Amino acid sequence: MMCMIPNICASIQKTVEDINRKGIRMFCLLLDLYADEYLFRTFGQRNYLVLDHVDKIPGKLPQLYISMTK
């Protein structure tokens, strides 16, 4: 699935690229089961997580913290 608002997605992608060039690591957590395609292009393979329900966030936070601080 493509980003539903292309102009906004292009703007987000450019912002992420600019921030990455400054050496800042970004991570995206999103509640959108259809977001995989555009998040992969924007954040890269290991820099995002898609969940299907907000209740799953607390269970994932420790794992995310560990993976981001290695």
Protein backbone atom coordinates (compact mmCIF):
# COMPACT_ATOMS: atom_id res chain seq x y z
CA MET A 1 0.00 0.00 0.00
CA MET A 2 1.24 3.45 -0.86
CA CYS A 3 1.19 6.43 1.42
CA MET A 4 -2.28 7.94 1.27
CA ILE A 5 -0.98 11.53 1.32
CA PRO A 6 2.04 11.57 -1.02
CA ASN A 7 3.08 15.17 -0.36
CA ILE A 8 3.20 14.62 3.37
CA CYS A 9 5.03 11.31 3.00
CA ALA A 10 7.63 12.93 0.73
CA SER A 11 8.11 15.69 3.28
CA ILE A 12 8.55 13.17 6.10
CA GLN A 13 11.03 11.17 4.03
CA LYS A 14 13.11 14.29 3.31
CA THR A 15 13.06 15.26 6.98
CA VAL A 16 14.20 11.78 8.02
CA GLU A 17 17.03 11.90 5.46
CA ASP A 18 18.13 15.33 6.72
CA ILE A 19 18.14 14.14 10.33
CA ASN A 20 20.03 10.95 9.42
CA ARG A 21 22.73 13.04 7.73
CA LYS A 22 23.23 14.81 11.06
CA GLY A 23 23.91 11.46 12.73
CA ILE A 24 20.64 11.27 14.64
CA ARG A 25 19.03 7.84 14.67
CA MET A 26 15.26 7.84 14.30
CA PHE A 27 12.71 5.16 15.03
CA CYS A 28 9.01 5.11 14.12
CA LEU A 29 6.27 3.29 16.02
CA LEU A 30 2.96 3.34 14.18
CA LEU A 31 -0.49 1.86 14.59
CA ASP A 32 -1.25 1.31 10.91
CA LEU A 33 -1.22 -2.23 9.56
CA TYR A 34 -0.87 -0.92 6.01
CA ALA A 35 2.18 1.22 6.70
CA ASP A 36 4.95 -1.32 6.06
CA GLU A 37 5.68 -0.27 2.49
CA TYR A 38 6.02 3.45 3.02
CA LEU A 39 7.69 3.13 6.43
CA PHE A 40 10.33 0.82 4.96
CA ARG A 41 11.15 3.41 2.30
CA THR A 42 11.23 6.23 4.83
CA PHE A 43 12.88 4.71 7.91
CA GLY A 44 14.72 1.64 6.63
CA GLN A 45 14.32 -2.02 7.50
CA ARG A 46 15.06 -1.90 11.23
CA ASN A 47 13.94 1.58 12.18
CA TYR A 48 10.21 1.13 12.53
CA LEU A 49 7.60 -1.07 14.12
CA VAL A 50 3.96 -1.44 13.14
CA LEU A 51 1.49 -2.61 15.77
CA ASP A 52 -2.15 -3.48 15.34
CA HIS A 53 -3.37 -2.18 18.69
CA VAL A 54 -2.29 0.45 21.21
CA ASP A 55 -2.46 -2.10 24.03
CA LYS A 56 0.62 -3.83 22.59
CA ILE A 57 2.88 -0.79 23.03
CA PRO A 58 3.83 -1.38 26.71
CA GLY A 59 4.91 -4.94 25.94
CA LYS A 60 7.16 -3.80 23.09
CA LEU A 61 8.86 -0.83 24.77
CA PRO A 62 11.51 -2.82 26.72
CA GLN A 63 12.47 -4.74 23.57
CA LEU A 64 12.66 -1.50 21.58
CA TYR A 65 14.81 0.19 24.21
CA ILE A 66 17.27 -2.71 24.26
CA SER A 67 17.53 -2.85 20.48
CA MET A 68 18.04 0.91 20.19
CA THR A 69 20.75 1.14 22.87
CA LYS A 70 23.00 -1.67 21.61
